[in-house]
């Protein structure tokens, strides 16, 4: 009688290989993150060489934040999310529709795909320095303005509106290529027989787009919105992020106040992502009627 050979399970090796990541994340990210919740309910700072606290103060840090100018910073960030996402998704939809339309017979299509995706490969900090150099007071844009109009340079970085516009422009340039590629992949996944059947039934191009194409693109549009919100929220030059990092070195508040501020910002980002998700679901259901 033949002995049964023991089957070798390699699944455990997969868990072993990814275990260092989870251990590192637990020690250096998750535990400190959870600890900031505790700090936000305490008074904890240094006065000279003397350490004050930790003394439990309850919701006092959060109440003080609501009286500060953080609401204004939040409004500016919300505006950046809107002006960063809407142009991006509109341009990406147009380009994806052009690139996937075989009737247009666009030449060198691969070249255009590489060009629009290239800014996504550049580090955000390097890209920010490039935008700063181009639009600075002595940058090429201002030099062009002075030579063509004969007037003075426009200080793009000295006004709130122009600075927000540059940040939104940078976010658009960096991410519209990635969004275009995602939408192209979703469009090419649509069954051609469905579109052909709609054309036979007399559907126009706009009806096909709104009733067939757009519902299939809803998950990718949602993903693009999430990318925009998350990436914009991480910009170190945002006023709200400067406020959070600056309060960490404020000797009168230090850890506790910045911890409360970061958690309010985190909850606001989650709330915006939830709203984006609900709007995306609603649009998807409405277009399928």
C-alpha atoms as a PDB file:
ATOM      1  CA  UNK A   1       0.000   0.000   0.000  1.00  0.00           C
ATOM      2  CA  UNK A   2       1.453   3.316  -1.137  1.00  0.00           C
ATOM      3  CA  UNK A   3       2.039   5.985   1.451  1.00  0.00           C
ATOM      4  CA  UNK A   4       0.273   9.256   0.853  1.00  0.00           C
ATOM      5  CA  UNK A   5       2.670  12.066   0.156  1.00  0.00           C
ATOM      6  CA  UNK A   6       2.266  15.028   2.414  1.00  0.00           C
ATOM      7  CA  UNK A   7       1.196  18.107   0.518  1.00  0.00           C
ATOM      8  CA  UNK A   8       3.448  21.083   1.024  1.00  0.00           C
ATOM      9  CA  UNK A   9       1.700  24.362   1.748  1.00  0.00           C
ATOM     10  CA  UNK A  10       3.597  27.398   0.598  1.00  0.00           C
ATOM     11  CA  UNK A  11       0.966  29.835   1.835  1.00  0.00           C
ATOM     12  CA  UNK A  12       2.740  30.328   5.159  1.00  0.00           C
ATOM     13  CA  UNK A  13       5.849  31.618   3.368  1.00  0.00           C
ATOM     14  CA  UNK A  14       3.772  34.405   1.849  1.00  0.00           C
ATOM     15  CA  UNK A  15       2.696  35.484   5.325  1.00  0.00           C
ATOM     16  CA  UNK A  16       6.290  35.248   6.550  1.00  0.00           C
ATOM     17  CA  UNK A  17       7.536  37.488   3.729  1.00  0.00           C
ATOM     18  CA  UNK A  18       4.934  40.218   4.384  1.00  0.00           C
ATOM     19  CA  UNK A  19       5.273  39.968   8.173  1.00  0.00           C
ATOM     20  CA  UNK A  20       8.178  42.515   8.388  1.00  0.00           C
ATOM     21  CA  UNK A  21       5.986  45.144   6.733  1.00  0.00           C
ATOM     22  CA  UNK A  22       3.153  44.686   9.231  1.00  0.00           C
ATOM     23  CA  UNK A  23       5.555  44.662  12.186  1.00  0.00           C
ATOM     24  CA  UNK A  24       7.230  47.874  10.964  1.00  0.00           C
ATOM     25  CA  UNK A  25       3.854  49.507  10.290  1.00  0.00           C
ATOM     26  CA  UNK A  26       2.585  48.510  13.743  1.00  0.00           C
ATOM     27  CA  UNK A  27       5.615  49.883  15.601  1.00  0.00           C
ATOM     28  CA  UNK A  28       6.378  53.037  13.623  1.00  0.00           C
ATOM     29  CA  UNK A  29       2.937  54.064  12.251  1.00  0.00           C
ATOM     30  CA  UNK A  30      -0.103  52.511  13.909  1.00  0.00           C
ATOM     31  CA  UNK A  31       0.974  52.783  17.568  1.00  0.00           C
ATOM     32  CA  UNK A  32       2.150  56.438  17.245  1.00  0.00           C
ATOM     33  CA  UNK A  33      -1.036  57.234  15.309  1.00  0.00           C
ATOM     34  CA  UNK A  34      -3.250  55.827  18.044  1.00  0.00           C
ATOM     35  CA  UNK A  35      -1.115  57.577  20.648  1.00  0.00           C
ATOM     36  CA  UNK A  36      -1.897  60.965  19.080  1.00  0.00           C
ATOM     37  CA  UNK A  37      -5.546  60.407  20.062  1.00  0.00           C
ATOM     38  CA  UNK A  38      -4.458  60.202  23.693  1.00  0.00           C
ATOM     39  CA  UNK A  39      -2.253  63.303  23.356  1.00  0.00           C
ATOM     40  CA  UNK A  40      -5.141  65.323  21.894  1.00  0.00           C
ATOM     41  CA  UNK A  41      -7.077  65.038  25.181  1.00  0.00           C
ATOM     42  CA  UNK A  42      -4.127  66.116  27.332  1.00  0.00           C
ATOM     43  CA  UNK A  43      -2.147  69.242  28.071  1.00  0.00           C
ATOM     44  CA  UNK A  44       1.416  68.288  27.248  1.00  0.00           C
ATOM     45  CA  UNK A  45       4.247  70.731  26.454  1.00  0.00           C
ATOM     46  CA  UNK A  46       7.518  72.135  27.695  1.00  0.00           C
ATOM     47  CA  UNK A  47       8.167  75.493  29.305  1.00  0.00           C
ATOM     48  CA  UNK A  48      11.907  75.999  29.106  1.00  0.00           C
ATOM     49  CA  UNK A  49      13.401  72.859  30.632  1.00  0.00           C
ATOM     50  CA  UNK A  50      10.251  72.098  32.590  1.00  0.00           C
ATOM     51  CA  UNK A  51       7.763  69.601  31.228  1.00  0.00           C
ATOM     52  CA  UNK A  52       4.087  70.467  31.713  1.00  0.00           C
ATOM     53  CA  UNK A  53       1.741  67.492  31.839  1.00  0.00           C
ATOM     54  CA  UNK A  54       0.444  65.292  30.596  1.00  0.00           C
ATOM     55  CA  UNK A  55      -2.686  66.712  32.290  1.00  0.00           C
ATOM     56  CA  UNK A  56      -6.100  65.545  31.133  1.00  0.00           C
ATOM     57  CA  UNK A  57      -8.118  68.481  29.690  1.00  0.00           C
ATOM     58  CA  UNK A  58     -10.861  66.600  27.836  1.00  0.00           C
ATOM     59  CA  UNK A  59     -12.176  68.363  24.727  1.00  0.00           C
ATOM     60  CA  UNK A  60     -10.476  71.684  25.549  1.00  0.00           C
ATOM     61  CA  UNK A  61      -7.970  71.392  22.673  1.00  0.00           C
ATOM     62  CA  UNK A  62     -10.736  70.683  20.154  1.00  0.00           C
ATOM     63  CA  UNK A  63     -12.885  73.559  21.514  1.00  0.00           C
ATOM     64  CA  UNK A  64      -9.960  75.955  21.162  1.00  0.00           C
ATOM     65  CA  UNK A  65      -9.392  74.811  17.570  1.00  0.00           C
ATOM     66  CA  UNK A  66     -12.982  75.620  16.593  1.00  0.00           C
ATOM     67  CA  UNK A  67     -12.369  79.199  17.769  1.00  0.00           C
ATOM     68  CA  UNK A  68      -9.145  79.490  15.762  1.00  0.00           C
ATOM     69  CA  UNK A  69      -8.612  80.172  12.045  1.00  0.00           C
ATOM     70  CA  UNK A  70      -8.536  76.452  11.175  1.00  0.00           C
ATOM     71  CA  UNK A  71     -12.012  76.749   9.605  1.00  0.00           C
ATOM     72  CA  UNK A  72     -10.583  79.222   7.080  1.00  0.00           C
ATOM     73  CA  UNK A  73      -7.711  76.862   6.327  1.00  0.00           C
ATOM     74  CA  UNK A  74     -10.234  74.056   5.821  1.00  0.00           C
ATOM     75  CA  UNK A  75     -12.232  76.163   3.346  1.00  0.00           C
ATOM     76  CA  UNK A  76      -9.092  76.904   1.323  1.00  0.00           C
ATOM     77  CA  UNK A  77      -8.222  73.207   1.233  1.00  0.00           C
ATOM     78  CA  UNK A  78     -11.763  72.349   0.092  1.00  0.00           C
ATOM     79  CA  UNK A  79     -11.489  74.881  -2.743  1.00  0.00           C
ATOM     80  CA  UNK A  80      -8.192  73.293  -3.793  1.00  0.00           C
ATOM     81  CA  UNK A  81      -9.846  69.864  -3.892  1.00  0.00           C
ATOM     82  CA  UNK A  82     -12.638  71.146  -6.134  1.00  0.00           C
ATOM     83  CA  UNK A  83     -10.514  73.151  -8.582  1.00  0.00           C
ATOM     84  CA  UNK A  84      -7.953  70.348  -8.623  1.00  0.00           C
ATOM     85  CA  UNK A  85     -10.396  67.565  -9.460  1.00  0.00           C
ATOM     86  CA  UNK A  86     -13.009  69.021 -11.844  1.00  0.00           C
ATOM     87  CA  UNK A  87     -10.602  70.207 -14.606  1.00  0.00           C
ATOM     88  CA  UNK A  88      -8.630  66.995 -14.194  1.00  0.00           C
ATOM     89  CA  UNK A  89     -11.609  64.677 -14.697  1.00  0.00           C
ATOM     90  CA  UNK A  90     -13.047  66.744 -17.589  1.00  0.00           C
ATOM     91  CA  UNK A  91      -9.763  66.770 -19.537  1.00  0.00           C
ATOM     92  CA  UNK A  92      -9.121  63.091 -18.722  1.00  0.00           C
ATOM     93  CA  UNK A  93     -12.597  62.110 -20.002  1.00  0.00           C
ATOM     94  CA  UNK A  94     -12.070  64.002 -23.263  1.00  0.00           C
ATOM     95  CA  UNK A  95      -8.591  62.549 -23.847  1.00  0.00           C
ATOM     96  CA  UNK A  96      -9.637  59.011 -22.909  1.00  0.00           C
ATOM     97  CA  UNK A  97     -12.590  59.236 -25.300  1.00  0.00           C
ATOM     98  CA  UNK A  98     -10.326  60.449 -28.111  1.00  0.00           C
ATOM     99  CA  UNK A  99      -7.602  57.875 -27.498  1.00  0.00           C
ATOM    100  CA  UNK A 100     -10.041  54.931 -27.405  1.00  0.00           C
ATOM    101  CA  UNK A 101     -12.065  56.021 -30.461  1.00  0.00           C
ATOM    102  CA  UNK A 102     -10.755  53.895 -33.329  1.00  0.00           C
ATOM    103  CA  UNK A 103     -12.546  56.095 -35.863  1.00  0.00           C
ATOM    104  CA  UNK A 104     -10.174  58.993 -35.134  1.00  0.00           C
ATOM    105  CA  UNK A 105      -7.098  56.899 -36.068  1.00  0.00           C
ATOM    106  CA  UNK A 106      -4.724  58.925 -33.892  1.00  0.00           C
ATOM    107  CA  UNK A 107      -1.087  58.340 -34.888  1.00  0.00           C
ATOM    108  CA  UNK A 108       1.729  57.933 -32.335  1.00  0.00           C
ATOM    109  CA  UNK A 109      -0.821  57.081 -29.638  1.00  0.00           C
ATOM    110  CA  UNK A 110       1.773  55.405 -27.394  1.00  0.00           C
ATOM    111  CA  UNK A 111       3.900  58.549 -27.491  1.00  0.00           C
ATOM    112  CA  UNK A 112       1.011  60.696 -26.248  1.00  0.00           C
ATOM    113  CA  UNK A 113       0.257  58.214 -23.470  1.00  0.00           C
ATOM    114  CA  UNK A 114       3.849  58.401 -22.239  1.00  0.00           C
ATOM    115  CA  UNK A 115       3.927  62.212 -22.423  1.00  0.00           C
ATOM    116  CA  UNK A 116       0.737  62.766 -20.401  1.00  0.00           C
ATOM    117  CA  UNK A 117       1.787  60.172 -17.788  1.00  0.00           C
ATOM    118  CA  UNK A 118       5.367  61.448 -17.417  1.00  0.00           C
ATOM    119  CA  UNK A 119       4.635  64.212 -14.813  1.00  0.00           C
ATOM    120  CA  UNK A 120       3.190  61.542 -12.509  1.00  0.00           C
ATOM    121  CA  UNK A 121       6.660  59.984 -12.215  1.00  0.00           C
ATOM    122  CA  UNK A 122       8.238  63.192 -10.899  1.00  0.00           C
ATOM    123  CA  UNK A 123       8.435  63.735  -7.154  1.00  0.00           C
ATOM    124  CA  UNK A 124       5.898  66.271  -5.879  1.00  0.00           C
ATOM    125  CA  UNK A 125       8.633  68.303  -4.171  1.00  0.00           C
ATOM    126  CA  UNK A 126      10.703  68.484  -7.377  1.00  0.00           C
ATOM    127  CA  UNK A 127       7.618  69.435  -9.375  1.00  0.00           C
ATOM    128  CA  UNK A 128       6.746  72.127  -6.827  1.00  0.00           C
ATOM    129  CA  UNK A 129      10.236  73.591  -7.164  1.00  0.00           C
ATOM    130  CA  UNK A 130       9.837  73.604 -10.947  1.00  0.00           C
ATOM    131  CA  UNK A 131       6.508  75.490 -10.715  1.00  0.00           C
ATOM    132  CA  UNK A 132       8.051  77.892  -8.184  1.00  0.00           C
ATOM    133  CA  UNK A 133      10.990  78.601 -10.503  1.00  0.00           C
ATOM    134  CA  UNK A 134       8.745  79.191 -13.522  1.00  0.00           C
ATOM    135  CA  UNK A 135       6.278  81.512 -11.756  1.00  0.00           C
ATOM    136  CA  UNK A 136       8.640  83.304  -9.364  1.00  0.00           C
ATOM    137  CA  UNK A 137       9.185  87.067  -9.540  1.00  0.00           C
ATOM    138  CA  UNK A 138      12.253  86.584 -11.758  1.00  0.00           C
ATOM    139  CA  UNK A 139      10.976  83.438 -13.512  1.00  0.00           C
ATOM    140  CA  UNK A 140      10.432  83.003 -17.270  1.00  0.00           C
ATOM    141  CA  UNK A 141       6.671  83.722 -17.063  1.00  0.00           C
ATOM    142  CA  UNK A 142       7.242  87.100 -15.436  1.00  0.00           C
ATOM    143  CA  UNK A 143      10.091  87.871 -17.809  1.00  0.00           C
ATOM    144  CA  UNK A 144       7.711  87.185 -20.707  1.00  0.00           C
ATOM    145  CA  UNK A 145       5.046  89.432 -19.140  1.00  0.00           C
ATOM    146  CA  UNK A 146       7.535  92.291 -18.721  1.00  0.00           C
ATOM    147  CA  UNK A 147       8.851  92.007 -22.282  1.00  0.00           C
ATOM    148  CA  UNK A 148       5.428  91.761 -23.922  1.00  0.00           C
ATOM    149  CA  UNK A 149       3.506  94.325 -21.845  1.00  0.00           C
ATOM    150  CA  UNK A 150       6.325  96.546 -20.662  1.00  0.00           C
ATOM    151  CA  UNK A 151       4.813  96.511 -17.189  1.00  0.00           C
ATOM    152  CA  UNK A 152       5.967  95.128 -13.878  1.00  0.00           C
ATOM    153  CA  UNK A 153       6.140  91.481 -12.902  1.00  0.00           C
ATOM    154  CA  UNK A 154       3.054  89.886 -11.392  1.00  0.00           C
ATOM    155  CA  UNK A 155       3.825  88.348  -8.005  1.00  0.00           C
ATOM    156  CA  UNK A 156       1.996  85.032  -8.401  1.00  0.00           C
ATOM    157  CA  UNK A 157       3.182  83.712  -5.039  1.00  0.00           C
ATOM    158  CA  UNK A 158       2.137  86.791  -3.062  1.00  0.00           C
ATOM    159  CA  UNK A 159      -1.629  86.427  -3.458  1.00  0.00           C
ATOM    160  CA  UNK A 160      -3.932  83.719  -2.124  1.00  0.00           C
ATOM    161  CA  UNK A 161      -5.908  83.277  -5.348  1.00  0.00           C
ATOM    162  CA  UNK A 162      -2.906  82.945  -7.661  1.00  0.00           C
ATOM    163  CA  UNK A 163      -1.082  80.652  -5.223  1.00  0.00           C
ATOM    164  CA  UNK A 164      -4.113  78.359  -4.947  1.00  0.00           C
ATOM    165  CA  UNK A 165      -4.380  78.396  -8.730  1.00  0.00           C
ATOM    166  CA  UNK A 166      -0.737  77.314  -9.072  1.00  0.00           C
ATOM    167  CA  UNK A 167      -1.205  74.488  -6.550  1.00  0.00           C
ATOM    168  CA  UNK A 168      -4.327  73.336  -8.417  1.00  0.00           C
ATOM    169  CA  UNK A 169      -2.460  73.600 -11.735  1.00  0.00           C
ATOM    170  CA  UNK A 170       0.412  71.517 -10.342  1.00  0.00           C
ATOM    171  CA  UNK A 171      -2.015  68.909  -9.048  1.00  0.00           C
ATOM    172  CA  UNK A 172      -3.747  68.846 -12.449  1.00  0.00           C
ATOM    173  CA  UNK A 173      -0.524  68.416 -14.437  1.00  0.00           C
ATOM    174  CA  UNK A 174       0.725  65.655 -12.137  1.00  0.00           C
ATOM    175  CA  UNK A 175      -2.458  63.576 -12.061  1.00  0.00           C
ATOM    176  CA  UNK A 176      -4.504  64.082 -15.223  1.00  0.00           C
ATOM    177  CA  UNK A 177      -2.313  61.611 -17.142  1.00  0.00           C
ATOM    178  CA  UNK A 178      -2.813  58.911 -14.525  1.00  0.00           C
ATOM    179  CA  UNK A 179      -6.580  59.545 -14.531  1.00  0.00           C
ATOM    180  CA  UNK A 180      -6.643  59.412 -18.350  1.00  0.00           C
ATOM    181  CA  UNK A 181      -4.919  56.004 -18.383  1.00  0.00           C
ATOM    182  CA  UNK A 182      -7.375  54.640 -15.808  1.00  0.00           C
ATOM    183  CA  UNK A 183     -10.386  55.917 -17.770  1.00  0.00           C
ATOM    184  CA  UNK A 184      -8.968  54.488 -20.996  1.00  0.00           C
ATOM    185  CA  UNK A 185      -8.635  51.075 -19.350  1.00  0.00           C
ATOM    186  CA  UNK A 186     -12.245  51.286 -18.165  1.00  0.00           C
ATOM    187  CA  UNK A 187     -13.490  52.381 -21.602  1.00  0.00           C
ATOM    188  CA  UNK A 188     -11.671  49.562 -23.379  1.00  0.00           C
ATOM    189  CA  UNK A 189     -13.313  47.119 -20.967  1.00  0.00           C
ATOM    190  CA  UNK A 190     -16.799  48.058 -22.179  1.00  0.00           C
ATOM    191  CA  UNK A 191     -18.375  45.328 -24.333  1.00  0.00           C
ATOM    192  CA  UNK A 192     -18.431  46.581 -27.931  1.00  0.00           C
ATOM    193  CA  UNK A 193     -21.603  44.604 -28.658  1.00  0.00           C
ATOM    194  CA  UNK A 194     -23.506  46.787 -26.162  1.00  0.00           C
ATOM    195  CA  UNK A 195     -22.410  49.965 -27.952  1.00  0.00           C
ATOM    196  CA  UNK A 196     -23.169  48.445 -31.385  1.00  0.00           C
ATOM    197  CA  UNK A 197     -26.647  47.419 -30.206  1.00  0.00           C
ATOM    198  CA  UNK A 198     -27.271  50.962 -28.954  1.00  0.00           C
ATOM    199  CA  UNK A 199     -26.182  52.414 -32.309  1.00  0.00           C
ATOM    200  CA  UNK A 200     -28.487  50.029 -34.179  1.00  0.00           C
ATOM    201  CA  UNK A 201     -31.353  51.138 -31.930  1.00  0.00           C
ATOM    202  CA  UNK A 202     -30.661  54.742 -32.968  1.00  0.00           C
ATOM    203  CA  UNK A 203     -28.819  56.020 -29.890  1.00  0.00           C
ATOM    204  CA  UNK A 204     -26.749  59.144 -30.442  1.00  0.00           C
ATOM    205  CA  UNK A 205     -23.131  59.542 -29.338  1.00  0.00           C
ATOM    206  CA  UNK A 206     -24.168  61.639 -26.329  1.00  0.00           C
ATOM    207  CA  UNK A 207     -26.786  59.057 -25.286  1.00  0.00           C
ATOM    208  CA  UNK A 208     -24.205  56.268 -25.536  1.00  0.00           C
ATOM    209  CA  UNK A 209     -21.791  58.285 -23.400  1.00  0.00           C
ATOM    210  CA  UNK A 210     -24.307  59.169 -20.658  1.00  0.00           C
ATOM    211  CA  UNK A 211     -26.186  55.852 -20.574  1.00  0.00           C
ATOM    212  CA  UNK A 212     -23.424  53.315 -21.276  1.00  0.00           C
ATOM    213  CA  UNK A 213     -19.921  54.767 -21.017  1.00  0.00           C
ATOM    214  CA  UNK A 214     -20.302  56.972 -17.930  1.00  0.00           C
ATOM    215  CA  UNK A 215     -21.875  54.279 -15.668  1.00  0.00           C
ATOM    216  CA  UNK A 216     -18.908  52.010 -16.481  1.00  0.00           C
ATOM    217  CA  UNK A 217     -16.488  54.821 -15.632  1.00  0.00           C
ATOM    218  CA  UNK A 218     -18.017  55.631 -12.241  1.00  0.00           C
ATOM    219  CA  UNK A 219     -15.534  53.481 -10.213  1.00  0.00           C
ATOM    220  CA  UNK A 220     -12.557  55.054 -12.007  1.00  0.00           C
ATOM    221  CA  UNK A 221     -13.935  58.574 -11.550  1.00  0.00           C
ATOM    222  CA  UNK A 222     -14.321  57.791  -7.855  1.00  0.00           C
ATOM    223  CA  UNK A 223     -10.721  56.557  -7.761  1.00  0.00           C
ATOM    224  CA  UNK A 224      -9.541  59.760  -9.456  1.00  0.00           C
ATOM    225  CA  UNK A 225     -11.409  61.858  -6.886  1.00  0.00           C
ATOM    226  CA  UNK A 226      -9.821  59.877  -4.052  1.00  0.00           C
ATOM    227  CA  UNK A 227      -6.363  60.356  -5.583  1.00  0.00           C
ATOM    228  CA  UNK A 228      -6.955  64.111  -5.843  1.00  0.00           C
ATOM    229  CA  UNK A 229      -8.199  64.514  -2.269  1.00  0.00           C
ATOM    230  CA  UNK A 230      -5.482  62.355  -0.713  1.00  0.00           C
ATOM    231  CA  UNK A 231      -2.587  63.797  -2.722  1.00  0.00           C
ATOM    232  CA  UNK A 232      -3.699  67.412  -2.258  1.00  0.00           C
ATOM    233  CA  UNK A 233      -4.143  66.813   1.483  1.00  0.00           C
ATOM    234  CA  UNK A 234      -0.527  65.686   1.763  1.00  0.00           C
ATOM    235  CA  UNK A 235       1.020  68.804   0.227  1.00  0.00           C
ATOM    236  CA  UNK A 236       3.372  70.262   2.811  1.00  0.00           C
ATOM    237  CA  UNK A 237       2.776  73.785   1.454  1.00  0.00           C
ATOM    238  CA  UNK A 238      -0.911  73.747   2.386  1.00  0.00           C
ATOM    239  CA  UNK A 239      -1.706  76.314   5.077  1.00  0.00           C
ATOM    240  CA  UNK A 240      -3.409  73.706   7.228  1.00  0.00           C
ATOM    241  CA  UNK A 241      -0.412  71.359   7.095  1.00  0.00           C
ATOM    242  CA  UNK A 242       1.915  74.248   7.926  1.00  0.00           C
ATOM    243  CA  UNK A 243      -0.315  75.074  10.879  1.00  0.00           C
ATOM    244  CA  UNK A 244      -0.207  71.476  12.156  1.00  0.00           C
ATOM    245  CA  UNK A 245       3.571  71.136  11.847  1.00  0.00           C
ATOM    246  CA  UNK A 246       4.123  74.643  13.208  1.00  0.00           C
ATOM    247  CA  UNK A 247       2.095  73.976  16.352  1.00  0.00           C
ATOM    248  CA  UNK A 248       4.266  70.924  17.059  1.00  0.00           C
ATOM    249  CA  UNK A 249       7.132  73.321  17.831  1.00  0.00           C
ATOM    250  CA  UNK A 250       5.026  75.865  19.698  1.00  0.00           C
ATOM    251  CA  UNK A 251       6.394  75.731  23.242  1.00  0.00           C
ATOM    252  CA  UNK A 252       3.018  76.719  24.727  1.00  0.00           C
ATOM    253  CA  UNK A 253       1.028  73.899  23.087  1.00  0.00           C
ATOM    254  CA  UNK A 254       3.328  71.407  21.389  1.00  0.00           C
ATOM    255  CA  UNK A 255       2.068  67.814  21.047  1.00  0.00           C
ATOM    256  CA  UNK A 256      -1.475  68.036  22.381  1.00  0.00           C
ATOM    257  CA  UNK A 257      -2.730  70.897  20.205  1.00  0.00           C
ATOM    258  CA  UNK A 258      -1.159  69.611  16.982  1.00  0.00           C
ATOM    259  CA  UNK A 259      -2.528  66.128  17.708  1.00  0.00           C
ATOM    260  CA  UNK A 260      -6.066  67.502  18.055  1.00  0.00           C
ATOM    261  CA  UNK A 261      -5.626  69.565  14.895  1.00  0.00           C
ATOM    262  CA  UNK A 262      -4.357  66.609  12.862  1.00  0.00           C
ATOM    263  CA  UNK A 263      -7.271  64.412  13.952  1.00  0.00           C
ATOM    264  CA  UNK A 264      -9.825  67.075  13.010  1.00  0.00           C
ATOM    265  CA  UNK A 265      -8.142  67.354   9.611  1.00  0.00           C
ATOM    266  CA  UNK A 266      -8.088  63.568   9.238  1.00  0.00           C
ATOM    267  CA  UNK A 267     -11.819  63.299  10.035  1.00  0.00           C
ATOM    268  CA  UNK A 268     -12.573  66.119   7.569  1.00  0.00           C
ATOM    269  CA  UNK A 269     -10.691  64.282   4.794  1.00  0.00           C
ATOM    270  CA  UNK A 270     -12.577  61.053   5.572  1.00  0.00           C
ATOM    271  CA  UNK A 271     -15.885  62.969   5.502  1.00  0.00           C
ATOM    272  CA  UNK A 272     -15.060  64.472   2.094  1.00  0.00           C
ATOM    273  CA  UNK A 273     -14.101  61.047   0.719  1.00  0.00           C
ATOM    274  CA  UNK A 274     -17.403  59.658   2.008  1.00  0.00           C
ATOM    275  CA  UNK A 275     -19.325  62.463   0.272  1.00  0.00           C
ATOM    276  CA  UNK A 276     -17.429  61.804  -2.977  1.00  0.00           C
ATOM    277  CA  UNK A 277     -18.288  58.096  -2.701  1.00  0.00           C
ATOM    278  CA  UNK A 278     -22.001  58.778  -2.100  1.00  0.00           C
ATOM    279  CA  UNK A 279     -22.175  61.230  -5.022  1.00  0.00           C
ATOM    280  CA  UNK A 280     -20.454  58.679  -7.267  1.00  0.00           C
ATOM    281  CA  UNK A 281     -22.916  55.947  -6.253  1.00  0.00           C
ATOM    282  CA  UNK A 282     -25.873  58.288  -6.808  1.00  0.00           C
ATOM    283  CA  UNK A 283     -24.641  59.296 -10.275  1.00  0.00           C
ATOM    284  CA  UNK A 284     -24.051  55.667 -11.197  1.00  0.00           C
ATOM    285  CA  UNK A 285     -27.576  54.636 -10.183  1.00  0.00           C
ATOM    286  CA  UNK A 286     -29.144  57.669 -11.868  1.00  0.00           C
ATOM    287  CA  UNK A 287     -27.373  57.007 -15.185  1.00  0.00           C
ATOM    288  CA  UNK A 288     -28.543  53.387 -15.180  1.00  0.00           C
ATOM    289  CA  UNK A 289     -32.240  54.343 -15.084  1.00  0.00           C
END
